PDB file of N, CA and C in Angstrom:
ATOM      1  N   UNK A   1      97.903 123.866  62.958  1.00  0.00           N
ATOM      2  CA  UNK A   1      98.127 122.436  62.847  1.00  0.00           C
ATOM      3  C   UNK A   1      99.223 122.034  63.823  1.00  0.00           C
ATOM      4  N   UNK A   2      99.044 120.929  64.470  1.00  0.00           N
ATOM      5  CA  UNK A   2     100.022 120.472  65.455  1.00  0.00           C
ATOM      6  C   UNK A   2     100.944 119.440  64.833  1.00  0.00           C
ATOM      7  N   UNK A   3     102.156 119.442  65.262  1.00  0.00           N
ATOM      8  CA  UNK A   3     103.142 118.497  64.747  1.00  0.00           C
ATOM      9  C   UNK A   3     103.408 117.416  65.764  1.00  0.00           C
ATOM     10  N   UNK A   4     104.301 116.485  65.426  1.00  0.00           N
ATOM     11  CA  UNK A   4     104.598 115.383  66.336  1.00  0.00           C
ATOM     12  C   UNK A   4     105.179 115.841  67.666  1.00  0.00           C
ATOM     13  N   UNK A   5     105.892 116.974  67.665  1.00  0.00           N
ATOM     14  CA  UNK A   5     106.481 117.427  68.921  1.00  0.00           C
ATOM     15  C   UNK A   5     105.441 117.996  69.878  1.00  0.00           C
ATOM     16  N   UNK A   6     104.233 118.288  69.373  1.00  0.00           N
ATOM     17  CA  UNK A   6     103.173 118.820  70.217  1.00  0.00           C
ATOM     18  C   UNK A   6     102.359 117.723  70.904  1.00  0.00           C
ATOM     19  N   UNK A   7     102.633 116.477  70.540  1.00  0.00           N
ATOM     20  CA  UNK A   7     101.852 115.368  71.107  1.00  0.00           C
ATOM     21  C   UNK A   7     102.171 115.215  72.591  1.00  0.00           C
ATOM     22  N   UNK A   8     101.145 115.012  73.369  1.00  0.00           N
ATOM     23  CA  UNK A   8     101.306 114.810  74.811  1.00  0.00           C
ATOM     24  C   UNK A   8     101.082 113.338  75.125  1.00  0.00           C
ATOM     25  N   UNK A   9     101.769 112.844  76.127  1.00  0.00           N
ATOM     26  CA  UNK A   9     101.526 111.444  76.499  1.00  0.00           C
ATOM     27  C   UNK A   9     100.103 111.287  77.027  1.00  0.00           C
ATOM     28  N   UNK A  10      99.572 110.116  76.782  1.00  0.00           N
ATOM     29  CA  UNK A  10      98.217 109.837  77.254  1.00  0.00           C
ATOM     30  C   UNK A  10      98.217 109.767  78.773  1.00  0.00           C
ATOM     31  N   UNK A  11      97.179 110.269  79.401  1.00  0.00           N
ATOM     32  CA  UNK A  11      97.107 110.179  80.871  1.00  0.00           C
ATOM     33  C   UNK A  11      96.979 108.716  81.283  1.00  0.00           C
ATOM     34  N   UNK A  12      97.425 108.379  82.477  1.00  0.00           N
ATOM     35  CA  UNK A  12      97.302 106.990  82.924  1.00  0.00           C
ATOM     36  C   UNK A  12      95.838 106.582  82.997  1.00  0.00           C
ATOM     37  N   UNK A  13      95.596 105.308  82.752  1.00  0.00           N
ATOM     38  CA  UNK A  13      94.229 104.800  82.821  1.00  0.00           C
ATOM     39  C   UNK A  13      93.712 104.905  84.245  1.00  0.00           C
ATOM     40  N   UNK A  14      92.437 105.162  84.348  1.00  0.00           N
ATOM     41  CA  UNK A  14      91.822 105.235  85.671  1.00  0.00           C
ATOM     42  C   UNK A  14      91.873 103.864  86.317  1.00  0.00           C
ATOM     43  N   UNK A  15      92.131 103.853  87.551  1.00  0.00           N
ATOM     44  CA  UNK A  15      92.149 102.601  88.292  1.00  0.00           C
ATOM     45  C   UNK A  15      93.538 102.008  88.454  1.00  0.00           C
ATOM     46  N   UNK A  16      94.522 102.519  87.711  1.00  0.00           N
ATOM     47  CA  UNK A  16      95.877 101.980  87.820  1.00  0.00           C
ATOM     48  C   UNK A  16      96.412 102.156  89.238  1.00  0.00           C
ATOM     49  N   UNK A  17      96.244 103.332  89.785  1.00  0.00           N
ATOM     50  CA  UNK A  17      96.714 103.595  91.149  1.00  0.00           C
ATOM     51  C   UNK A  17      95.957 102.729  92.153  1.00  0.00           C
ATOM     52  N   UNK A  18      94.664 102.543  91.932  1.00  0.00           N
ATOM     53  CA  UNK A  18      93.868 101.722  92.836  1.00  0.00           C
ATOM     54  C   UNK A  18      94.354 100.277  92.825  1.00  0.00           C
ATOM     55  N   UNK A  19      94.674  99.743  91.644  1.00  0.00           N
ATOM     56  CA  UNK A  19      95.184  98.370  91.566  1.00  0.00           C
ATOM     57  C   UNK A  19      96.519  98.252  92.290  1.00  0.00           C
ATOM     58  N   UNK A  20      97.353  99.253  92.157  1.00  0.00           N
ATOM     59  CA  UNK A  20      98.638  99.246  92.843  1.00  0.00           C
ATOM     60  C   UNK A  20      98.436  99.261  94.353  1.00  0.00           C
ATOM     61  N   UNK A  21      97.526 100.091  94.827  1.00  0.00           N
ATOM     62  CA  UNK A  21      97.258 100.161  96.266  1.00  0.00           C
ATOM     63  C   UNK A  21      96.703  98.840  96.789  1.00  0.00           C
ATOM     64  N   UNK A  22      95.848  98.187  96.009  1.00  0.00           N
ATOM     65  CA  UNK A  22      95.311  96.887  96.428  1.00  0.00           C
ATOM     66  C   UNK A  22      96.424  95.860  96.548  1.00  0.00           C
ATOM     67  N   UNK A  23      97.316  95.849  95.554  1.00  0.00           N
ATOM     68  CA  UNK A  23      98.430  94.902  95.587  1.00  0.00           C
ATOM     69  C   UNK A  23      99.318  95.154  96.802  1.00  0.00           C
ATOM     70  N   UNK A  24      99.610  96.405  97.057  1.00  0.00           N
ATOM     71  CA  UNK A  24     100.437  96.741  98.217  1.00  0.00           C
ATOM     72  C   UNK A  24      99.739  96.372  99.521  1.00  0.00           C
ATOM     73  N   UNK A  25      98.427  96.548  99.561  1.00  0.00           N
ATOM     74  CA  UNK A  25      97.669  96.190 100.762  1.00  0.00           C
ATOM     75  C   UNK A  25      97.735  94.686 101.016  1.00  0.00           C
ATOM     76  N   UNK A  26      97.632  93.882  99.950  1.00  0.00           N
ATOM     77  CA  UNK A  26      97.713  92.427 100.115  1.00  0.00           C
ATOM     78  C   UNK A  26      99.084  92.025 100.648  1.00  0.00           C
ATOM     79  N   UNK A  27     100.130  92.624 100.112  1.00  0.00           N
ATOM     80  CA  UNK A  27     101.486  92.327 100.574  1.00  0.00           C
ATOM     81  C   UNK A  27     101.640  92.736 102.044  1.00  0.00           C
ATOM     82  N   UNK A  28     101.133  93.917 102.373  1.00  0.00           N
ATOM     83  CA  UNK A  28     101.234  94.421 103.734  1.00  0.00           C
ATOM     84  C   UNK A  28     100.505  93.499 104.713  1.00  0.00           C
ATOM     85  N   UNK A  29      99.316  93.043 104.328  1.00  0.00           N
ATOM     86  CA  UNK A  29      98.547  92.153 105.207  1.00  0.00           C
ATOM     87  C   UNK A  29      99.290  90.843 105.416  1.00  0.00           C
ATOM     88  N   UNK A  30      99.838  90.282 104.338  1.00  0.00           N
ATOM     89  CA  UNK A  30     100.586  89.036 104.472  1.00  0.00           C
ATOM     90  C   UNK A  30     101.802  89.233 105.374  1.00  0.00           C
ATOM     91  N   UNK A  31     102.512  90.330 105.198  1.00  0.00           N
ATOM     92  CA  UNK A  31     103.680  90.605 106.040  1.00  0.00           C
ATOM     93  C   UNK A  31     103.286  90.835 107.496  1.00  0.00           C
ATOM     94  N   UNK A  32     102.194  91.529 107.710  1.00  0.00           N
ATOM     95  CA  UNK A  32     101.726  91.821 109.061  1.00  0.00           C
ATOM     96  C   UNK A  32     101.337  90.543 109.798  1.00  0.00           C
ATOM     97  N   UNK A  33     100.681  89.627 109.119  1.00  0.00           N
ATOM     98  CA  UNK A  33     100.208  88.407 109.768  1.00  0.00           C
ATOM     99  C   UNK A  33     101.322  87.402 110.019  1.00  0.00           C
ATOM    100  N   UNK A  34     102.477  87.605 109.371  1.00  0.00           N
ATOM    101  CA  UNK A  34     103.585  86.655 109.542  1.00  0.00           C
ATOM    102  C   UNK A  34     103.983  86.523 111.011  1.00  0.00           C
ATOM    103  N   UNK A  35     103.979  87.629 111.739  1.00  0.00           N
ATOM    104  CA  UNK A  35     104.409  87.596 113.132  1.00  0.00           C
ATOM    105  C   UNK A  35     103.281  87.231 114.088  1.00  0.00           C
ATOM    106  N   UNK A  36     102.043  87.228 113.626  1.00  0.00           N
ATOM    107  CA  UNK A  36     100.916  86.971 114.513  1.00  0.00           C
ATOM    108  C   UNK A  36     100.607  85.495 114.682  1.00  0.00           C
ATOM    109  N   UNK A  37     100.455  84.808 113.581  1.00  0.00           N
ATOM    110  CA  UNK A  37      99.986  83.425 113.631  1.00  0.00           C
ATOM    111  C   UNK A  37     100.412  82.724 112.345  1.00  0.00           C
ATOM    112  N   UNK A  38     101.040  81.567 112.484  1.00  0.00           N
ATOM    113  CA  UNK A  38     101.524  80.855 111.299  1.00  0.00           C
ATOM    114  C   UNK A  38     100.384  80.464 110.361  1.00  0.00           C
ATOM    115  N   UNK A  39      99.276  79.997 110.907  1.00  0.00           N
ATOM    116  CA  UNK A  39      98.155  79.578 110.069  1.00  0.00           C
ATOM    117  C   UNK A  39      97.557  80.771 109.323  1.00  0.00           C
ATOM    118  N   UNK A  40      97.437  81.896 110.015  1.00  0.00           N
ATOM    119  CA  UNK A  40      96.909  83.104 109.386  1.00  0.00           C
ATOM    120  C   UNK A  40      97.855  83.590 108.294  1.00  0.00           C
ATOM    121  N   UNK A  41      99.163  83.557 108.577  1.00  0.00           N
ATOM    122  CA  UNK A  41     100.140  83.970 107.574  1.00  0.00           C
ATOM    123  C   UNK A  41     100.090  83.053 106.357  1.00  0.00           C
ATOM    124  N   UNK A  42      99.993  81.747 106.589  1.00  0.00           N
ATOM    125  CA  UNK A  42      99.931  80.793 105.484  1.00  0.00           C
ATOM    126  C   UNK A  42      98.700  81.062 104.626  1.00  0.00           C
ATOM    127  N   UNK A  43      97.583  81.326 105.268  1.00  0.00           N
ATOM    128  CA  UNK A  43      96.348  81.603 104.533  1.00  0.00           C
ATOM    129  C   UNK A  43      96.412  82.886 103.727  1.00  0.00           C
ATOM    130  N   UNK A  44      96.934  83.943 104.323  1.00  0.00           N
ATOM    131  CA  UNK A  44      97.008  85.215 103.598  1.00  0.00           C
ATOM    132  C   UNK A  44      98.062  85.155 102.495  1.00  0.00           C
ATOM    133  N   UNK A  45      99.128  84.411 102.734  1.00  0.00           N
ATOM    134  CA  UNK A  45     100.151  84.237 101.704  1.00  0.00           C
ATOM    135  C   UNK A  45      99.585  83.472 100.516  1.00  0.00           C
ATOM    136  N   UNK A  46      98.814  82.424 100.787  1.00  0.00           N
ATOM    137  CA  UNK A  46      98.176  81.666  99.711  1.00  0.00           C
ATOM    138  C   UNK A  46      97.195  82.544  98.949  1.00  0.00           C
ATOM    139  N   UNK A  47      96.401  83.317  99.662  1.00  0.00           N
ATOM    140  CA  UNK A  47      95.448  84.219  99.012  1.00  0.00           C
ATOM    141  C   UNK A  47      96.175  85.214  98.111  1.00  0.00           C
ATOM    142  N   UNK A  48      97.278  85.754  98.595  1.00  0.00           N
ATOM    143  CA  UNK A  48      98.059  86.701  97.806  1.00  0.00           C
ATOM    144  C   UNK A  48      98.551  86.040  96.508  1.00  0.00           C
ATOM    145  N   UNK A  49      99.034  84.818  96.596  1.00  0.00           N
ATOM    146  CA  UNK A  49      99.513  84.108  95.405  1.00  0.00           C
ATOM    147  C   UNK A  49      98.368  83.777  94.456  1.00  0.00           C
ATOM    148  N   UNK A  50      97.222  83.391  95.017  1.00  0.00           N
ATOM    149  CA  UNK A  50      96.065  83.084  94.168  1.00  0.00           C
ATOM    150  C   UNK A  50      95.653  84.301  93.360  1.00  0.00           C
ATOM    151  N   UNK A  51      95.637  85.449  93.984  1.00  0.00           N
ATOM    152  CA  UNK A  51      95.264  86.680  93.285  1.00  0.00           C
ATOM    153  C   UNK A  51      96.341  87.067  92.285  1.00  0.00           C
ATOM    154  N   UNK A  52      97.584  86.975  92.689  1.00  0.00           N
ATOM    155  CA  UNK A  52      98.704  87.375  91.835  1.00  0.00           C
ATOM    156  C   UNK A  52      98.784  86.528  90.563  1.00  0.00           C
ATOM    157  N   UNK A  53      98.671  85.202  90.700  1.00  0.00           N
ATOM    158  CA  UNK A  53      98.830  84.304  89.565  1.00  0.00           C
ATOM    159  C   UNK A  53      97.523  83.970  88.858  1.00  0.00           C
ATOM    160  N   UNK A  54      96.408  84.227  89.500  1.00  0.00           N
ATOM    161  CA  UNK A  54      95.124  83.869  88.908  1.00  0.00           C
ATOM    162  C   UNK A  54      94.870  82.374  88.952  1.00  0.00           C
ATOM    163  N   UNK A  55      95.438  81.713  89.937  1.00  0.00           N
ATOM    164  CA  UNK A  55      95.287  80.267  90.112  1.00  0.00           C
ATOM    165  C   UNK A  55      94.664  79.993  91.476  1.00  0.00           C
ATOM    166  N   UNK A  56      93.913  78.913  91.570  1.00  0.00           N
ATOM    167  CA  UNK A  56      93.216  78.657  92.823  1.00  0.00           C
ATOM    168  C   UNK A  56      93.839  77.570  93.686  1.00  0.00           C
ATOM    169  N   UNK A  57      94.540  76.606  93.096  1.00  0.00           N
ATOM    170  CA  UNK A  57      95.050  75.516  93.931  1.00  0.00           C
ATOM    171  C   UNK A  57      96.559  75.576  94.101  1.00  0.00           C
ATOM    172  N   UNK A  58      97.003  75.014  95.204  1.00  0.00           N
ATOM    173  CA  UNK A  58      98.416  75.057  95.570  1.00  0.00           C
ATOM    174  C   UNK A  58      99.302  74.340  94.549  1.00  0.00           C
ATOM    175  N   UNK A  59      98.790  73.273  93.959  1.00  0.00           N
ATOM    176  CA  UNK A  59      99.584  72.503  92.999  1.00  0.00           C
ATOM    177  C   UNK A  59      99.917  73.362  91.781  1.00  0.00           C
ATOM    178  N   UNK A  60      98.925  74.014  91.223  1.00  0.00           N
ATOM    179  CA  UNK A  60      99.158  74.877  90.059  1.00  0.00           C
ATOM    180  C   UNK A  60     100.087  76.030  90.426  1.00  0.00           C
ATOM    181  N   UNK A  61      99.946  76.564  91.624  1.00  0.00           N
ATOM    182  CA  UNK A  61     100.831  77.639  92.081  1.00  0.00           C
ATOM    183  C   UNK A  61     102.269  77.139  92.167  1.00  0.00           C
ATOM    184  N   UNK A  62     102.470  75.915  92.657  1.00  0.00           N
ATOM    185  CA  UNK A  62     103.825  75.350  92.741  1.00  0.00           C
ATOM    186  C   UNK A  62     104.448  75.232  91.347  1.00  0.00           C
ATOM    187  N   UNK A  63     103.680  74.752  90.366  1.00  0.00           N
ATOM    188  CA  UNK A  63     104.201  74.658  89.003  1.00  0.00           C
ATOM    189  C   UNK A  63     104.485  76.045  88.433  1.00  0.00           C
ATOM    190  N   UNK A  64     103.601  76.988  88.697  1.00  0.00           N
ATOM    191  CA  UNK A  64     103.796  78.357  88.203  1.00  0.00           C
ATOM    192  C   UNK A  64     105.077  78.952  88.769  1.00  0.00           C
ATOM    193  N   UNK A  65     105.276  78.825  90.057  1.00  0.00           N
ATOM    194  CA  UNK A  65     106.453  79.394  90.710  1.00  0.00           C
ATOM    195  C   UNK A  65     107.743  78.687  90.311  1.00  0.00           C
ATOM    196  N   UNK A  66     107.644  77.435  89.878  1.00  0.00           N
ATOM    197  CA  UNK A  66     108.838  76.691  89.463  1.00  0.00           C
ATOM    198  C   UNK A  66     109.290  77.069  88.056  1.00  0.00           C
ATOM    199  N   UNK A  67     108.439  77.778  87.302  1.00  0.00           N
ATOM    200  CA  UNK A  67     108.859  78.205  85.970  1.00  0.00           C
ATOM    201  C   UNK A  67     107.816  78.034  84.888  1.00  0.00           C
ATOM    202  N   UNK A  68     106.730  77.369  85.174  1.00  0.00           N
ATOM    203  CA  UNK A  68     105.659  77.202  84.202  1.00  0.00           C
ATOM    204  C   UNK A  68     104.700  78.386  84.346  1.00  0.00           C
ATOM    205  N   UNK A  69     105.179  79.548  83.912  1.00  0.00           N
ATOM    206  CA  UNK A  69     104.482  80.814  84.145  1.00  0.00           C
ATOM    207  C   UNK A  69     103.356  81.044  83.156  1.00  0.00           C
ATOM    208  N   UNK A  70     102.446  80.113  83.107  1.00  0.00           N
ATOM    209  CA  UNK A  70     101.244  80.216  82.276  1.00  0.00           C
ATOM    210  C   UNK A  70     100.146  79.491  83.040  1.00  0.00           C
ATOM    211  N   UNK A  71      99.018  80.152  83.219  1.00  0.00           N
ATOM    212  CA  UNK A  71      97.954  79.556  84.038  1.00  0.00           C
ATOM    213  C   UNK A  71      97.465  78.230  83.491  1.00  0.00           C
ATOM    214  N   UNK A  72      97.293  78.151  82.171  1.00  0.00           N
ATOM    215  CA  UNK A  72      96.790  76.913  81.568  1.00  0.00           C
ATOM    216  C   UNK A  72      97.792  75.777  81.767  1.00  0.00           C
ATOM    217  N   UNK A  73      99.056  76.058  81.494  1.00  0.00           N
ATOM    218  CA  UNK A  73     100.091  75.031  81.626  1.00  0.00           C
ATOM    219  C   UNK A  73     100.218  74.591  83.081  1.00  0.00           C
ATOM    220  N   UNK A  74     100.294  75.532  83.993  1.00  0.00           N
ATOM    221  CA  UNK A  74     100.429  75.201  85.420  1.00  0.00           C
ATOM    222  C   UNK A  74      99.228  74.387  85.901  1.00  0.00           C
ATOM    223  N   UNK A  75      98.031  74.763  85.472  1.00  0.00           N
ATOM    224  CA  UNK A  75      96.828  74.026  85.883  1.00  0.00           C
ATOM    225  C   UNK A  75      96.805  72.625  85.292  1.00  0.00           C
ATOM    226  N   UNK A  76      97.211  72.499  84.037  1.00  0.00           N
ATOM    227  CA  UNK A  76      97.241  71.181  83.383  1.00  0.00           C
ATOM    228  C   UNK A  76      98.217  70.255  84.096  1.00  0.00           C
ATOM    229  N   UNK A  77      99.405  70.749  84.369  1.00  0.00           N
ATOM    230  CA  UNK A  77     100.380  69.932  85.086  1.00  0.00           C
ATOM    231  C   UNK A  77      99.885  69.599  86.489  1.00  0.00           C
ATOM    232  N   UNK A  78      99.188  70.529  87.109  1.00  0.00           N
ATOM    233  CA  UNK A  78      98.625  70.286  88.430  1.00  0.00           C
ATOM    234  C   UNK A  78      97.575  69.188  88.441  1.00  0.00           C
ATOM    235  N   UNK A  79      96.853  69.048  87.339  1.00  0.00           N
ATOM    236  CA  UNK A  79      95.866  67.969  87.244  1.00  0.00           C
ATOM    237  C   UNK A  79      96.543  66.604  87.168  1.00  0.00           C
ATOM    238  N   UNK A  80      97.681  66.539  86.506  1.00  0.00           N
ATOM    239  CA  UNK A  80      98.392  65.274  86.345  1.00  0.00           C
ATOM    240  C   UNK A  80      99.138  64.894  87.623  1.00  0.00           C
ATOM    241  N   UNK A  81      99.805  65.873  88.230  1.00  0.00           N
ATOM    242  CA  UNK A  81     100.577  65.630  89.452  1.00  0.00           C
ATOM    243  C   UNK A  81      99.930  66.401  90.598  1.00  0.00           C
ATOM    244  N   UNK A  82      98.856  65.875  91.117  1.00  0.00           N
ATOM    245  CA  UNK A  82      98.068  66.554  92.142  1.00  0.00           C
ATOM    246  C   UNK A  82      98.683  66.580  93.522  1.00  0.00           C
ATOM    247  N   UNK A  83      99.766  65.848  93.736  1.00  0.00           N
ATOM    248  CA  UNK A  83     100.361  65.802  95.066  1.00  0.00           C
ATOM    249  C   UNK A  83     101.567  66.721  95.226  1.00  0.00           C
ATOM    250  N   UNK A  84     101.890  67.496  94.197  1.00  0.00           N
ATOM    251  CA  UNK A  84     103.033  68.415  94.244  1.00  0.00           C
ATOM    252  C   UNK A  84     102.674  69.618  95.113  1.00  0.00           C
ATOM    253  N   UNK A  85     103.597  69.987  96.012  1.00  0.00           N
ATOM    254  CA  UNK A  85     103.334  71.138  96.876  1.00  0.00           C
ATOM    255  C   UNK A  85     104.424  72.199  96.830  1.00  0.00           C
ATOM    256  N   UNK A  86     105.588  71.854  96.252  1.00  0.00           N
ATOM    257  CA  UNK A  86     106.689  72.819  96.225  1.00  0.00           C
ATOM    258  C   UNK A  86     107.598  72.557  95.027  1.00  0.00           C
ATOM    259  N   UNK A  87     108.674  73.340  94.940  1.00  0.00           N
ATOM    260  CA  UNK A  87     109.609  73.249  93.809  1.00  0.00           C
ATOM    261  C   UNK A  87     110.263  71.868  93.713  1.00  0.00           C
ATOM    262  N   UNK A  88     110.576  71.267  94.852  1.00  0.00           N
ATOM    263  CA  UNK A  88     111.163  69.924  94.826  1.00  0.00           C
ATOM    264  C   UNK A  88     110.198  68.907  94.237  1.00  0.00           C
ATOM    265  N   UNK A  89     108.922  69.046  94.558  1.00  0.00           N
ATOM    266  CA  UNK A  89     107.909  68.170  93.973  1.00  0.00           C
ATOM    267  C   UNK A  89     107.778  68.368  92.466  1.00  0.00           C
ATOM    268  N   UNK A  90     107.902  69.610  92.027  1.00  0.00           N
ATOM    269  CA  UNK A  90     107.858  69.900  90.592  1.00  0.00           C
ATOM    270  C   UNK A  90     109.055  69.258  89.905  1.00  0.00           C
ATOM    271  N   UNK A  91     110.226  69.374  90.516  1.00  0.00           N
ATOM    272  CA  UNK A  91     111.426  68.741  89.942  1.00  0.00           C
ATOM    273  C   UNK A  91     111.243  67.234  89.832  1.00  0.00           C
ATOM    274  N   UNK A  92     110.700  66.626  90.860  1.00  0.00           N
ATOM    275  CA  UNK A  92     110.469  65.178  90.846  1.00  0.00           C
ATOM    276  C   UNK A  92     109.487  64.802  89.728  1.00  0.00           C
ATOM    277  N   UNK A  93     108.447  65.590  89.558  1.00  0.00           N
ATOM    278  CA  UNK A  93     107.469  65.324  88.497  1.00  0.00           C
ATOM    279  C   UNK A  93     108.120  65.466  87.123  1.00  0.00           C
ATOM    280  N   UNK A  94     108.978  66.464  86.981  1.00  0.00           N
ATOM    281  CA  UNK A  94     109.618  66.724  85.680  1.00  0.00           C
ATOM    282  C   UNK A  94     110.672  65.685  85.329  1.00  0.00           C
ATOM    283  N   UNK A  95     111.060  64.849  86.273  1.00  0.00           N
ATOM    284  CA  UNK A  95     112.008  63.777  85.974  1.00  0.00           C
ATOM    285  C   UNK A  95     111.348  62.654  85.189  1.00  0.00           C
ATOM    286  N   UNK A  96     110.041  62.666  85.114  1.00  0.00           N
ATOM    287  CA  UNK A  96     109.290  61.666  84.348  1.00  0.00           C
ATOM    288  C   UNK A  96     109.135  62.166  82.906  1.00  0.00           C
ATOM    289  N   UNK A  97     110.223  62.102  82.164  1.00  0.00           N
ATOM    290  CA  UNK A  97     110.304  62.730  80.847  1.00  0.00           C
ATOM    291  C   UNK A  97     109.188  62.298  79.889  1.00  0.00           C
ATOM    292  N   UNK A  98     108.927  61.018  79.791  1.00  0.00           N
ATOM    293  CA  UNK A  98     107.919  60.544  78.832  1.00  0.00           C
ATOM    294  C   UNK A  98     106.536  61.097  79.145  1.00  0.00           C
ATOM    295  N   UNK A  99     106.180  61.103  80.420  1.00  0.00           N
ATOM    296  CA  UNK A  99     104.861  61.615  80.814  1.00  0.00           C
ATOM    297  C   UNK A  99     104.793  63.124  80.582  1.00  0.00           C
ATOM    298  N   UNK A 100     105.861  63.827  80.947  1.00  0.00           N
ATOM    299  CA  UNK A 100     105.894  65.280  80.759  1.00  0.00           C
ATOM    300  C   UNK A 100     105.734  65.614  79.279  1.00  0.00           C
ATOM    301  N   UNK A 101     106.486  64.923  78.429  1.00  0.00           N
ATOM    302  CA  UNK A 101     106.384  65.183  76.982  1.00  0.00           C
ATOM    303  C   UNK A 101     104.970  64.923  76.467  1.00  0.00           C
ATOM    304  N   UNK A 102     104.333  63.871  76.962  1.00  0.00           N
ATOM    305  CA  UNK A 102     102.965  63.555  76.529  1.00  0.00           C
ATOM    306  C   UNK A 102     101.991  64.644  76.979  1.00  0.00           C
ATOM    307  N   UNK A 103     102.129  65.080  78.215  1.00  0.00           N
ATOM    308  CA  UNK A 103     101.233  66.107  78.747  1.00  0.00           C
ATOM    309  C   UNK A 103     101.421  67.428  78.012  1.00  0.00           C
ATOM    310  N   UNK A 104     102.664  67.755  77.690  1.00  0.00           N
ATOM    311  CA  UNK A 104     102.971  69.036  77.058  1.00  0.00           C
ATOM    312  C   UNK A 104     103.022  68.966  75.529  1.00  0.00           C
ATOM    313  N   UNK A 105     102.557  67.891  74.949  1.00  0.00           N
ATOM    314  CA  UNK A 105     102.684  67.711  73.493  1.00  0.00           C
ATOM    315  C   UNK A 105     101.935  68.766  72.679  1.00  0.00           C
ATOM    316  N   UNK A 106     100.866  69.332  73.196  1.00  0.00           N
ATOM    317  CA  UNK A 106     100.088  70.336  72.467  1.00  0.00           C
ATOM    318  C   UNK A 106     100.327  71.747  72.993  1.00  0.00           C
ATOM    319  N   UNK A 107     101.380  71.903  73.763  1.00  0.00           N
ATOM    320  CA  UNK A 107     101.701  73.179  74.396  1.00  0.00           C
ATOM    321  C   UNK A 107     103.025  73.669  73.819  1.00  0.00           C
ATOM    322  N   UNK A 108     103.241  74.974  73.696  1.00  0.00           N
ATOM    323  CA  UNK A 108     104.494  75.468  73.115  1.00  0.00           C
ATOM    324  C   UNK A 108     105.735  74.789  73.699  1.00  0.00           C
ATOM    325  N   UNK A 109     106.696  74.518  72.839  1.00  0.00           N
ATOM    326  CA  UNK A 109     107.879  73.748  73.219  1.00  0.00           C
ATOM    327  C   UNK A 109     108.725  74.426  74.292  1.00  0.00           C
ATOM    328  N   UNK A 110     108.551  75.711  74.483  1.00  0.00           N
ATOM    329  CA  UNK A 110     109.280  76.413  75.536  1.00  0.00           C
ATOM    330  C   UNK A 110     109.096  75.695  76.876  1.00  0.00           C
ATOM    331  N   UNK A 111     107.884  75.247  77.154  1.00  0.00           N
ATOM    332  CA  UNK A 111     107.587  74.627  78.440  1.00  0.00           C
ATOM    333  C   UNK A 111     108.202  73.239  78.564  1.00  0.00           C
ATOM    334  N   UNK A 112     108.433  72.558  77.436  1.00  0.00           N
ATOM    335  CA  UNK A 112     109.171  71.300  77.478  1.00  0.00           C
ATOM    336  C   UNK A 112     110.607  71.589  77.915  1.00  0.00           C
ATOM    337  N   UNK A 113     111.153  72.697  77.439  1.00  0.00           N
ATOM    338  CA  UNK A 113     112.490  73.111  77.855  1.00  0.00           C
ATOM    339  C   UNK A 113     112.564  73.414  79.343  1.00  0.00           C
ATOM    340  N   UNK A 114     111.527  74.060  79.868  1.00  0.00           N
ATOM    341  CA  UNK A 114     111.474  74.342  81.301  1.00  0.00           C
ATOM    342  C   UNK A 114     111.456  73.031  82.083  1.00  0.00           C
ATOM    343  N   UNK A 115     110.619  72.098  81.631  1.00  0.00           N
ATOM    344  CA  UNK A 115     110.525  70.792  82.299  1.00  0.00           C
ATOM    345  C   UNK A 115     111.845  70.042  82.209  1.00  0.00           C
ATOM    346  N   UNK A 116     112.490  70.087  81.057  1.00  0.00           N
ATOM    347  CA  UNK A 116     113.768  69.395  80.871  1.00  0.00           C
ATOM    348  C   UNK A 116     114.832  69.941  81.824  1.00  0.00           C
ATOM    349  N   UNK A 117     114.848  71.242  81.973  1.00  0.00           N
ATOM    350  CA  UNK A 117     115.820  71.865  82.889  1.00  0.00           C
ATOM    351  C   UNK A 117     115.541  71.474  84.329  1.00  0.00           C
ATOM    352  N   UNK A 118     114.275  71.510  84.721  1.00  0.00           N
ATOM    353  CA  UNK A 118     113.912  71.151  86.093  1.00  0.00           C
ATOM    354  C   UNK A 118     114.113  69.658  86.359  1.00  0.00           C
ATOM    355  N   UNK A 119     113.838  68.827  85.345  1.00  0.00           N
ATOM    356  CA  UNK A 119     113.935  67.390  85.507  1.00  0.00           C
ATOM    357  C   UNK A 119     115.324  66.829  85.283  1.00  0.00           C
ATOM    358  N   UNK A 120     116.229  67.657  84.769  1.00  0.00           N
ATOM    359  CA  UNK A 120     117.597  67.201  84.577  1.00  0.00           C
ATOM    360  C   UNK A 120     117.830  66.414  83.306  1.00  0.00           C
ATOM    361  N   UNK A 121     116.926  66.474  82.353  1.00  0.00           N
ATOM    362  CA  UNK A 121     117.109  65.754  81.091  1.00  0.00           C
ATOM    363  C   UNK A 121     117.326  66.697  79.916  1.00  0.00           C
ATOM    364  N   UNK A 122     117.764  67.915  80.226  1.00  0.00           N
ATOM    365  CA  UNK A 122     118.013  68.918  79.172  1.00  0.00           C
ATOM    366  C   UNK A 122     119.283  68.612  78.420  1.00  0.00           C
TER     367      UNK A 122
END
């Protein structure tokens, strides 16, 4: 009979190393293209973020990177403020406290706190 000290750790799941190599390859490609062409670098950087966050549009990515680290929340905010492209745009959107509260009314209150901090009404 084996005891608890005889237990061995489970082997890593198959594919873990492959996922890591893919992620590193995406980073490497984005870094490599930075010196070649600005448009190519911008495109590969966007692709890397889309894969990393699981989001397709720049607006949702901007909200995600500003602190709304949930795909549903970032996408919802992106639908309301479709012209946001960066952190400053997210801050400007979050200054609209009444609208933010209405949009986030059915979403965990943590994200209202994130918006309050970014919008300056915390």
